[in-house]
Amino acid sequence: MAKSVYRAGIDEIDAQIVELLERRMAICEQIGIEKAQSGEEVLDAKREWEKINSIKELTHHVPYREYMERIYIEIMAQSRYLQTSIASQIENGQDEM
C-alpha cells in the first residue's frame, strides 16, 4: 500500500481524535468549574492512576500499552492545566466561561 494511503488514513483518524479530545476537554472544563466552586483540588491522583490503568487494559495490542499510558498522562496534564486556569479565573472573579 502506498505511503500516501496510510497518511490519508492517519489524517482521517486525527480529525476524529481532535473532535473527541475537544469533547473531553469541554467535560473537563465543566468538572473544573465544579471543583473550583466547591474548593476541591484540581489534582485527583488516585482517579488519574485508575484511569491510566483502565486505558492500558482497554488497549488490546499489549505492546502499545506503554505508549497509551504516556499519551494519557499528557492528556490528563493538559486537563489539569485547563482546570487550574479555570480555578484561577473563578478565584479572581472572572467566572465567564
N, C-alpha and C. Protein backbone atom coordinates (compact mmCIF):
# COMPACT_ATOMS: atom_id res chain seq x y z
N MET A 1 0.85 -1.18 0.00
CA MET A 1 0.00 0.00 0.00
C MET A 1 0.89 1.24 0.00
N ALA A 2 0.49 2.24 -0.72
CA ALA A 2 1.27 3.46 -0.84
C ALA A 2 1.25 4.24 0.47
N LYS A 3 2.38 4.86 0.75
CA LYS A 3 2.51 5.67 1.97
C LYS A 3 1.41 6.73 2.04
N SER A 4 1.05 7.29 0.91
CA SER A 4 0.02 8.35 0.88
C SER A 4 -1.34 7.82 1.35
N VAL A 5 -1.62 6.57 1.10
CA VAL A 5 -2.87 5.96 1.55
C VAL A 5 -2.85 5.83 3.08
N TYR A 6 -1.73 5.40 3.61
CA TYR A 6 -1.60 5.31 5.07
C TYR A 6 -1.76 6.69 5.71
N ARG A 7 -1.12 7.67 5.10
CA ARG A 7 -1.18 9.03 5.66
C ARG A 7 -2.59 9.59 5.60
N ALA A 8 -3.32 9.29 4.53
CA ALA A 8 -4.72 9.72 4.43
C ALA A 8 -5.54 9.09 5.56
N GLY A 9 -5.25 7.83 5.86
CA GLY A 9 -5.92 7.16 6.97
C GLY A 9 -5.61 7.82 8.30
N ILE A 10 -4.35 8.18 8.49
CA ILE A 10 -3.94 8.88 9.72
C ILE A 10 -4.64 10.23 9.81
N ASP A 11 -4.72 10.96 8.70
CA ASP A 11 -5.39 12.27 8.70
C ASP A 11 -6.85 12.13 9.13
N GLU A 12 -7.51 11.11 8.63
CA GLU A 12 -8.91 10.86 8.97
C GLU A 12 -9.05 10.55 10.47
N ILE A 13 -8.17 9.70 10.96
CA ILE A 13 -8.19 9.34 12.39
C ILE A 13 -7.88 10.56 13.24
N ASP A 14 -6.90 11.37 12.83
CA ASP A 14 -6.55 12.57 13.59
C ASP A 14 -7.74 13.52 13.72
N ALA A 15 -8.51 13.66 12.67
CA ALA A 15 -9.71 14.52 12.73
C ALA A 15 -10.69 13.99 13.77
N GLN A 16 -10.84 12.68 13.83
CA GLN A 16 -11.72 12.07 14.84
C GLN A 16 -11.17 12.27 16.24
N ILE A 17 -9.86 12.11 16.39
CA ILE A 17 -9.22 12.29 17.70
C ILE A 17 -9.42 13.72 18.19
N VAL A 18 -9.22 14.69 17.31
CA VAL A 18 -9.39 16.10 17.70
C VAL A 18 -10.82 16.34 18.17
N GLU A 19 -11.78 15.83 17.43
CA GLU A 19 -13.19 16.00 17.82
C GLU A 19 -13.44 15.39 19.20
N LEU A 20 -12.93 14.20 19.42
CA LEU A 20 -13.12 13.53 20.72
C LEU A 20 -12.39 14.26 21.84
N LEU A 21 -11.19 14.75 21.56
CA LEU A 21 -10.45 15.49 22.59
C LEU A 21 -11.14 16.81 22.94
N GLU A 22 -11.74 17.46 21.94
CA GLU A 22 -12.50 18.67 22.23
C GLU A 22 -13.68 18.36 23.14
N ARG A 23 -14.37 17.27 22.87
CA ARG A 23 -15.49 16.87 23.73
C ARG A 23 -14.98 16.56 25.14
N ARG A 24 -13.84 15.88 25.23
CA ARG A 24 -13.27 15.53 26.53
C ARG A 24 -12.89 16.80 27.30
N MET A 25 -12.26 17.75 26.61
CA MET A 25 -11.84 18.98 27.28
C MET A 25 -13.04 19.80 27.73
N ALA A 26 -14.12 19.80 26.97
CA ALA A 26 -15.34 20.52 27.37
C ALA A 26 -15.89 19.93 28.67
N ILE A 27 -15.85 18.61 28.79
CA ILE A 27 -16.30 17.96 30.02
C ILE A 27 -15.34 18.29 31.16
N CYS A 28 -14.04 18.25 30.88
CA CYS A 28 -13.05 18.62 31.90
C CYS A 28 -13.25 20.05 32.38
N GLU A 29 -13.63 20.92 31.46
CA GLU A 29 -13.90 22.32 31.81
C GLU A 29 -15.05 22.38 32.81
N GLN A 30 -16.12 21.65 32.56
CA GLN A 30 -17.26 21.65 33.48
C GLN A 30 -16.87 21.08 34.84
N ILE A 31 -16.07 20.03 34.84
CA ILE A 31 -15.58 19.46 36.09
C ILE A 31 -14.73 20.48 36.82
N GLY A 32 -13.89 21.20 36.07
CA GLY A 32 -13.04 22.24 36.66
C GLY A 32 -13.85 23.34 37.32
N ILE A 33 -14.95 23.73 36.68
CA ILE A 33 -15.83 24.75 37.26
C ILE A 33 -16.40 24.24 38.58
N GLU A 34 -16.89 23.01 38.58
CA GLU A 34 -17.45 22.43 39.81
C GLU A 34 -16.39 22.31 40.90
N LYS A 35 -15.20 21.88 40.53
CA LYS A 35 -14.12 21.77 41.52
C LYS A 35 -13.79 23.14 42.10
N ALA A 36 -13.67 24.13 41.24
CA ALA A 36 -13.32 25.48 41.70
C ALA A 36 -14.41 26.05 42.61
N GLN A 37 -15.65 25.83 42.25
CA GLN A 37 -16.75 26.37 43.05
C GLN A 37 -16.88 25.68 44.41
N SER A 38 -16.46 24.42 44.47
CA SER A 38 -16.55 23.68 45.74
C SER A 38 -15.26 23.72 46.53
N GLY A 39 -14.22 24.34 45.96
CA GLY A 39 -12.93 24.42 46.65
C GLY A 39 -12.12 23.12 46.59
N GLU A 40 -12.52 22.23 45.71
CA GLU A 40 -11.83 20.95 45.57
C GLU A 40 -10.52 21.13 44.81
N GLU A 41 -9.52 20.34 45.15
CA GLU A 41 -8.24 20.38 44.45
C GLU A 41 -8.40 19.89 43.01
N VAL A 42 -7.61 20.45 42.12
CA VAL A 42 -7.65 20.03 40.72
C VAL A 42 -7.11 18.61 40.57
N LEU A 43 -5.98 18.34 41.18
CA LEU A 43 -5.35 17.02 41.03
C LEU A 43 -6.06 15.98 41.88
N ASP A 44 -6.48 14.91 41.24
CA ASP A 44 -7.02 13.73 41.92
C ASP A 44 -6.16 12.55 41.44
N ALA A 45 -5.01 12.39 42.09
CA ALA A 45 -4.01 11.41 41.65
C ALA A 45 -4.58 9.99 41.61
N LYS A 46 -5.41 9.65 42.59
CA LYS A 46 -5.99 8.30 42.61
C LYS A 46 -6.85 8.07 41.36
N ARG A 47 -7.68 9.04 41.03
CA ARG A 47 -8.53 8.94 39.84
C ARG A 47 -7.69 8.84 38.57
N GLU A 48 -6.62 9.64 38.51
CA GLU A 48 -5.78 9.61 37.31
C GLU A 48 -5.12 8.25 37.12
N TRP A 49 -4.60 7.66 38.18
CA TRP A 49 -3.94 6.36 38.02
C TRP A 49 -4.94 5.26 37.75
N GLU A 50 -6.15 5.38 38.32
CA GLU A 50 -7.20 4.42 37.98
C GLU A 50 -7.53 4.52 36.49
N LYS A 51 -7.59 5.75 35.99
CA LYS A 51 -7.89 5.98 34.57
C LYS A 51 -6.78 5.43 33.68
N ILE A 52 -5.55 5.69 34.05
CA ILE A 52 -4.41 5.19 33.26
C ILE A 52 -4.44 3.66 33.20
N ASN A 53 -4.66 3.03 34.33
CA ASN A 53 -4.72 1.57 34.35
C ASN A 53 -5.88 1.06 33.51
N SER A 54 -6.99 1.76 33.56
CA SER A 54 -8.15 1.38 32.75
C SER A 54 -7.83 1.49 31.26
N ILE A 55 -7.18 2.57 30.87
CA ILE A 55 -6.79 2.77 29.46
C ILE A 55 -5.84 1.67 29.02
N LYS A 56 -4.90 1.32 29.86
CA LYS A 56 -3.96 0.26 29.50
C LYS A 56 -4.70 -1.07 29.30
N GLU A 57 -5.69 -1.32 30.13
CA GLU A 57 -6.47 -2.55 29.98
C GLU A 57 -7.33 -2.53 28.71
N LEU A 58 -7.79 -1.35 28.33
CA LEU A 58 -8.59 -1.22 27.11
C LEU A 58 -7.75 -1.39 25.85
N THR A 59 -6.46 -1.22 25.97
CA THR A 59 -5.55 -1.33 24.83
C THR A 59 -5.33 -2.80 24.51
N HIS A 60 -5.87 -3.24 23.40
CA HIS A 60 -5.83 -4.66 23.03
C HIS A 60 -4.44 -5.12 22.63
N HIS A 61 -3.71 -4.27 21.96
CA HIS A 61 -2.37 -4.63 21.49
C HIS A 61 -1.39 -4.30 22.61
N VAL A 62 -1.03 -5.31 23.37
CA VAL A 62 -0.23 -5.14 24.60
C VAL A 62 1.02 -4.27 24.40
N PRO A 63 1.78 -4.43 23.34
CA PRO A 63 2.96 -3.56 23.19
C PRO A 63 2.63 -2.07 23.14
N TYR A 64 1.40 -1.69 22.81
CA TYR A 64 1.02 -0.28 22.74
C TYR A 64 0.66 0.31 24.10
N ARG A 65 0.52 -0.52 25.12
CA ARG A 65 0.06 -0.03 26.43
C ARG A 65 0.97 1.05 27.01
N GLU A 66 2.26 0.88 26.87
CA GLU A 66 3.21 1.88 27.38
C GLU A 66 2.98 3.23 26.69
N TYR A 67 2.74 3.19 25.39
CA TYR A 67 2.51 4.42 24.63
C TYR A 67 1.19 5.08 25.02
N MET A 68 0.18 4.26 25.21
CA MET A 68 -1.12 4.79 25.63
C MET A 68 -1.00 5.45 27.01
N GLU A 69 -0.23 4.84 27.89
CA GLU A 69 -0.02 5.43 29.20
C GLU A 69 0.60 6.82 29.07
N ARG A 70 1.62 6.93 28.25
CA ARG A 70 2.29 8.23 28.05
C ARG A 70 1.34 9.26 27.44
N ILE A 71 0.56 8.84 26.48
CA ILE A 71 -0.39 9.74 25.83
C ILE A 71 -1.40 10.25 26.86
N TYR A 72 -1.93 9.34 27.67
CA TYR A 72 -2.95 9.74 28.64
C TYR A 72 -2.38 10.55 29.79
N ILE A 73 -1.16 10.31 30.14
CA ILE A 73 -0.51 11.16 31.15
C ILE A 73 -0.50 12.60 30.65
N GLU A 74 -0.18 12.78 29.38
CA GLU A 74 -0.16 14.13 28.81
C GLU A 74 -1.56 14.71 28.67
N ILE A 75 -2.51 13.92 28.24
CA ILE A 75 -3.90 14.40 28.13
C ILE A 75 -4.38 14.88 29.50
N MET A 76 -4.11 14.11 30.53
CA MET A 76 -4.56 14.50 31.87
C MET A 76 -3.80 15.72 32.38
N ALA A 77 -2.54 15.85 32.02
CA ALA A 77 -1.78 17.04 32.41
C ALA A 77 -2.41 18.29 31.78
N GLN A 78 -2.80 18.20 30.53
CA GLN A 78 -3.43 19.34 29.87
C GLN A 78 -4.82 19.63 30.46
N SER A 79 -5.52 18.58 30.85
CA SER A 79 -6.82 18.75 31.51
C SER A 79 -6.65 19.47 32.84
N ARG A 80 -5.61 19.10 33.59
CA ARG A 80 -5.32 19.79 34.86
C ARG A 80 -4.95 21.25 34.61
N TYR A 81 -4.18 21.49 33.57
CA TYR A 81 -3.81 22.85 33.23
C TYR A 81 -5.05 23.69 32.95
N LEU A 82 -5.98 23.15 32.18
CA LEU A 82 -7.25 23.82 31.90
C LEU A 82 -8.02 24.09 33.19
N GLN A 83 -8.13 23.08 34.04
CA GLN A 83 -8.88 23.23 35.28
C GLN A 83 -8.21 24.22 36.23
N THR A 84 -6.89 24.24 36.25
CA THR A 84 -6.17 25.21 37.08
C THR A 84 -6.43 26.63 36.58
N SER A 85 -6.45 26.79 35.27
CA SER A 85 -6.76 28.09 34.68
C SER A 85 -8.17 28.54 35.05
N ILE A 86 -9.11 27.62 34.98
CA ILE A 86 -10.49 27.92 35.34
C ILE A 86 -10.59 28.32 36.81
N ALA A 87 -9.92 27.56 37.67
CA ALA A 87 -9.94 27.85 39.11
C ALA A 87 -9.39 29.24 39.37
N SER A 88 -8.33 29.60 38.68
CA SER A 88 -7.72 30.92 38.84
C SER A 88 -8.69 32.02 38.40
N GLN A 89 -9.35 31.80 37.28
CA GLN A 89 -10.31 32.79 36.79
C GLN A 89 -11.47 32.97 37.76
N ILE A 90 -11.97 31.88 38.28
CA ILE A 90 -13.08 31.95 39.23
C ILE A 90 -12.63 32.64 40.51
N GLU A 91 -11.45 32.28 40.97
CA GLU A 91 -10.90 32.88 42.18
C GLU A 91 -10.74 34.39 42.03
N ASN A 92 -10.41 34.83 40.82
CA ASN A 92 -10.19 36.26 40.55
C ASN A 92 -11.46 36.96 40.08
N GLY A 93 -12.59 36.26 40.17
CA GLY A 93 -13.86 36.88 39.80
C GLY A 93 -14.12 36.95 38.30
N GLN A 94 -13.40 36.17 37.54
CA GLN A 94 -13.57 36.17 36.08
C GLN A 94 -14.23 34.86 35.67
N ASP A 95 -15.39 34.60 36.21
CA ASP A 95 -16.03 33.29 36.00
C ASP A 95 -16.87 33.22 34.74
N GLU A 96 -16.52 33.98 33.73
CA GLU A 96 -17.24 33.91 32.46
C GLU A 96 -16.60 32.83 31.59
N MET A 97 -17.14 31.65 31.60
CA MET A 97 -16.62 30.52 30.83
C MET A 97 -17.41 30.39 29.55
